[in-house]
Amino acid sequence: MKVSLKFYCEILGFNIHESAGKKNNIDWVWLKWSNTDLMLNTAYETPYRPEKPNTQRVSAHDDTTLYFGCTTVDEVYQMLLSKGLNLSPPVVAPYGMKQLYLHDPDGYSLCFQWPHVSTS
């Protein structure tokens, strides 16, 4: 959770709205960013948490994508580059959505997207 909170708060700009647990030992957190709410929960509550994540379990996270409606996809891309993330630029999907994909520290795929309006 500590690594995820650093990513979501310091990199993406979410703020902690509420949480369960102490500062360095949070089991659940409610994050807010603009009009977006996101809740994160640990796989194991504090007394049962293993020292290291189960790599097999984490490797399966890539089959889950969280989509964020974002009117400023290009600005988010530039902001994330400025914070040191190595990302591919946004692309327009065949169905017309401009999309920026990345992964969070737990291996979940994130997509910031908005309908693309062609200027040509």
C-alpha atoms as a PDB file:
ATOM      1  CA  MET A   1       0.000   0.000   0.000  1.00  0.00           C
ATOM      2  CA  LYS A   2       2.834   2.386   0.810  1.00  0.00           C
ATOM      3  CA  VAL A   3       4.235   2.119  -2.742  1.00  0.00           C
ATOM      4  CA  SER A   4       0.761   2.408  -4.286  1.00  0.00           C
ATOM      5  CA  LEU A   5      -0.045   5.506  -2.239  1.00  0.00           C
ATOM      6  CA  LYS A   6       3.199   7.138  -3.305  1.00  0.00           C
ATOM      7  CA  PHE A   7       2.313   6.439  -6.960  1.00  0.00           C
ATOM      8  CA  TYR A   8      -1.330   7.505  -6.807  1.00  0.00           C
ATOM      9  CA  CYS A   9      -0.725  10.580  -4.632  1.00  0.00           C
ATOM     10  CA  GLU A  10       2.728  11.864  -5.617  1.00  0.00           C
ATOM     11  CA  ILE A  11       2.715  10.860  -9.298  1.00  0.00           C
ATOM     12  CA  LEU A  12      -0.962  10.960 -10.320  1.00  0.00           C
ATOM     13  CA  GLY A  13      -2.095  13.656  -7.888  1.00  0.00           C
ATOM     14  CA  PHE A  14      -4.776  11.859  -5.874  1.00  0.00           C
ATOM     15  CA  ASN A  15      -5.436  12.941  -2.286  1.00  0.00           C
ATOM     16  CA  ILE A  16      -6.307  10.706   0.651  1.00  0.00           C
ATOM     17  CA  HIS A  17      -9.919  11.320   1.637  1.00  0.00           C
ATOM     18  CA  GLU A  18     -10.213   8.568   4.266  1.00  0.00           C
ATOM     19  CA  SER A  19      -8.173   5.569   5.327  1.00  0.00           C
ATOM     20  CA  ALA A  20      -8.141   2.598   7.686  1.00  0.00           C
ATOM     21  CA  GLY A  21      -4.910   2.018   9.518  1.00  0.00           C
ATOM     22  CA  LYS A  22      -1.971   4.116  10.553  1.00  0.00           C
ATOM     23  CA  LYS A  23       0.130   6.242   8.174  1.00  0.00           C
ATOM     24  CA  ASN A  24       2.664   3.550   7.242  1.00  0.00           C
ATOM     25  CA  ASN A  25       0.306   0.624   7.762  1.00  0.00           C
ATOM     26  CA  ILE A  26      -2.891   1.395   5.849  1.00  0.00           C
ATOM     27  CA  ASP A  27      -5.129  -1.513   4.827  1.00  0.00           C
ATOM     28  CA  TRP A  28      -7.777   0.526   2.957  1.00  0.00           C
ATOM     29  CA  VAL A  29      -7.794   4.025   1.504  1.00  0.00           C
ATOM     30  CA  TRP A  30     -10.312   6.244  -0.301  1.00  0.00           C
ATOM     31  CA  LEU A  31      -8.556   8.525  -2.778  1.00  0.00           C
ATOM     32  CA  LYS A  32      -9.960  11.524  -4.652  1.00  0.00           C
ATOM     33  CA  TRP A  33      -8.691  13.308  -7.756  1.00  0.00           C
ATOM     34  CA  SER A  34     -10.889  15.990  -9.297  1.00  0.00           C
ATOM     35  CA  ASN A  35     -14.270  14.230  -9.718  1.00  0.00           C
ATOM     36  CA  THR A  36     -12.736  10.754  -9.494  1.00  0.00           C
ATOM     37  CA  ASP A  37     -12.963   8.487  -6.464  1.00  0.00           C
ATOM     38  CA  LEU A  38     -10.744   5.424  -6.136  1.00  0.00           C
ATOM     39  CA  MET A  39     -10.538   2.988  -3.246  1.00  0.00           C
ATOM     40  CA  LEU A  40      -7.566   0.704  -2.687  1.00  0.00           C
ATOM     41  CA  ASN A  41      -7.464  -2.248  -0.338  1.00  0.00           C
ATOM     42  CA  THR A  42      -4.580  -4.519   0.557  1.00  0.00           C
ATOM     43  CA  ALA A  43      -4.812  -8.203  -0.339  1.00  0.00           C
ATOM     44  CA  TYR A  44      -3.982  -9.091   3.267  1.00  0.00           C
ATOM     45  CA  GLU A  45      -4.946  -7.275   6.437  1.00  0.00           C
ATOM     46  CA  THR A  46      -2.003  -6.165   8.584  1.00  0.00           C
ATOM     47  CA  PRO A  47      -1.659  -9.216  10.855  1.00  0.00           C
ATOM     48  CA  TYR A  48      -1.730 -11.616   7.884  1.00  0.00           C
ATOM     49  CA  ARG A  49       0.401  -9.701   5.372  1.00  0.00           C
ATOM     50  CA  PRO A  50       3.397 -11.662   4.022  1.00  0.00           C
ATOM     51  CA  GLU A  51       6.796  -9.957   3.924  1.00  0.00           C
ATOM     52  CA  LYS A  52       6.902 -10.076   0.108  1.00  0.00           C
ATOM     53  CA  PRO A  53       4.086  -9.970  -2.464  1.00  0.00           C
ATOM     54  CA  ASN A  54       3.103 -13.231  -4.120  1.00  0.00           C
ATOM     55  CA  THR A  55       4.572 -12.705  -7.617  1.00  0.00           C
ATOM     56  CA  GLN A  56       2.163 -15.194  -9.230  1.00  0.00           C
ATOM     57  CA  ARG A  57      -0.807 -13.316  -7.812  1.00  0.00           C
ATOM     58  CA  VAL A  58       0.554  -9.908  -8.853  1.00  0.00           C
ATOM     59  CA  SER A  59       1.380 -11.120 -12.381  1.00  0.00           C
ATOM     60  CA  ALA A  60      -2.342 -11.755 -12.940  1.00  0.00           C
ATOM     61  CA  HIS A  61      -3.182  -8.081 -12.313  1.00  0.00           C
ATOM     62  CA  ASP A  62      -2.309  -7.122 -15.895  1.00  0.00           C
ATOM     63  CA  ASP A  63      -5.644  -8.521 -17.043  1.00  0.00           C
ATOM     64  CA  THR A  64      -7.436  -5.696 -15.217  1.00  0.00           C
ATOM     65  CA  THR A  65      -7.618  -2.135 -16.545  1.00  0.00           C
ATOM     66  CA  LEU A  66      -8.975   0.895 -14.715  1.00  0.00           C
ATOM     67  CA  TYR A  67     -10.291   3.518 -17.145  1.00  0.00           C
ATOM     68  CA  PHE A  68     -10.318   7.195 -16.198  1.00  0.00           C
ATOM     69  CA  GLY A  69     -12.313   9.748 -18.173  1.00  0.00           C
ATOM     70  CA  CYS A  70      -9.785  12.503 -18.811  1.00  0.00           C
ATOM     71  CA  THR A  71     -10.338  15.535 -21.048  1.00  0.00           C
ATOM     72  CA  THR A  72      -6.615  16.369 -20.952  1.00  0.00           C
ATOM     73  CA  VAL A  73      -4.941  13.115 -22.056  1.00  0.00           C
ATOM     74  CA  ASP A  74      -1.973  14.911 -23.667  1.00  0.00           C
ATOM     75  CA  GLU A  75      -1.431  17.085 -20.586  1.00  0.00           C
ATOM     76  CA  VAL A  76      -1.509  14.026 -18.310  1.00  0.00           C
ATOM     77  CA  TYR A  77       1.046  12.373 -20.596  1.00  0.00           C
ATOM     78  CA  GLN A  78       3.391  15.397 -20.356  1.00  0.00           C
ATOM     79  CA  MET A  79       2.915  15.616 -16.585  1.00  0.00           C
ATOM     80  CA  LEU A  80       3.767  11.938 -16.131  1.00  0.00           C
ATOM     81  CA  LEU A  81       6.853  12.280 -18.336  1.00  0.00           C
ATOM     82  CA  SER A  82       7.980  15.233 -16.207  1.00  0.00           C
ATOM     83  CA  LYS A  83       7.710  13.010 -13.121  1.00  0.00           C
ATOM     84  CA  GLY A  84      10.095  10.461 -14.651  1.00  0.00           C
ATOM     85  CA  LEU A  85       7.714   7.830 -16.008  1.00  0.00           C
ATOM     86  CA  ASN A  86       8.780   6.144 -19.232  1.00  0.00           C
ATOM     87  CA  LEU A  87       5.577   6.015 -21.310  1.00  0.00           C
ATOM     88  CA  SER A  88       4.469   5.584 -24.879  1.00  0.00           C
ATOM     89  CA  PRO A  89       2.505   8.576 -26.189  1.00  0.00           C
ATOM     90  CA  PRO A  90      -1.303   8.482 -26.255  1.00  0.00           C
ATOM     91  CA  VAL A  91      -2.893   6.815 -29.286  1.00  0.00           C
ATOM     92  CA  VAL A  92      -6.327   7.019 -30.854  1.00  0.00           C
ATOM     93  CA  ALA A  93      -8.090   3.650 -30.736  1.00  0.00           C
ATOM     94  CA  PRO A  94     -10.070   2.457 -33.783  1.00  0.00           C
ATOM     95  CA  TYR A  95     -13.277   3.324 -31.907  1.00  0.00           C
ATOM     96  CA  GLY A  96     -12.238   6.972 -31.503  1.00  0.00           C
ATOM     97  CA  MET A  97     -10.909   7.198 -27.942  1.00  0.00           C
ATOM     98  CA  LYS A  98      -7.565   8.917 -27.347  1.00  0.00           C
ATOM     99  CA  GLN A  99      -5.887   6.683 -24.770  1.00  0.00           C
ATOM    100  CA  LEU A 100      -2.830   6.774 -22.547  1.00  0.00           C
ATOM    101  CA  TYR A 101      -1.904   3.446 -20.932  1.00  0.00           C
ATOM    102  CA  LEU A 102       0.432   2.765 -18.020  1.00  0.00           C
ATOM    103  CA  HIS A 103       0.764   0.356 -15.091  1.00  0.00           C
ATOM    104  CA  ASP A 104       0.546   1.069 -11.390  1.00  0.00           C
ATOM    105  CA  PRO A 105       3.043  -0.465  -8.920  1.00  0.00           C
ATOM    106  CA  ASP A 106       0.809  -3.518  -8.431  1.00  0.00           C
ATOM    107  CA  GLY A 107       0.713  -4.294 -12.146  1.00  0.00           C
ATOM    108  CA  TYR A 108      -2.800  -3.029 -12.847  1.00  0.00           C
ATOM    109  CA  SER A 109      -3.227  -1.319 -16.196  1.00  0.00           C
ATOM    110  CA  LEU A 110      -4.491   2.269 -16.107  1.00  0.00           C
ATOM    111  CA  CYS A 111      -5.981   4.080 -19.088  1.00  0.00           C
ATOM    112  CA  PHE A 112      -6.643   7.799 -19.270  1.00  0.00           C
ATOM    113  CA  GLN A 113      -8.992   8.381 -22.182  1.00  0.00           C
ATOM    114  CA  TRP A 114     -11.351  10.798 -23.903  1.00  0.00           C
ATOM    115  CA  PRO A 115     -13.137  10.884 -27.266  1.00  0.00           C
ATOM    116  CA  HIS A 116     -10.752  12.157 -29.919  1.00  0.00           C
ATOM    117  CA  VAL A 117     -11.893  15.084 -32.038  1.00  0.00           C
ATOM    118  CA  SER A 118     -10.074  15.247 -35.347  1.00  0.00           C
ATOM    119  CA  THR A 119      -8.874  18.710 -36.385  1.00  0.00           C
ATOM    120  CA  SER A 120      -8.478  17.778 -40.064  1.00  0.00           C
END
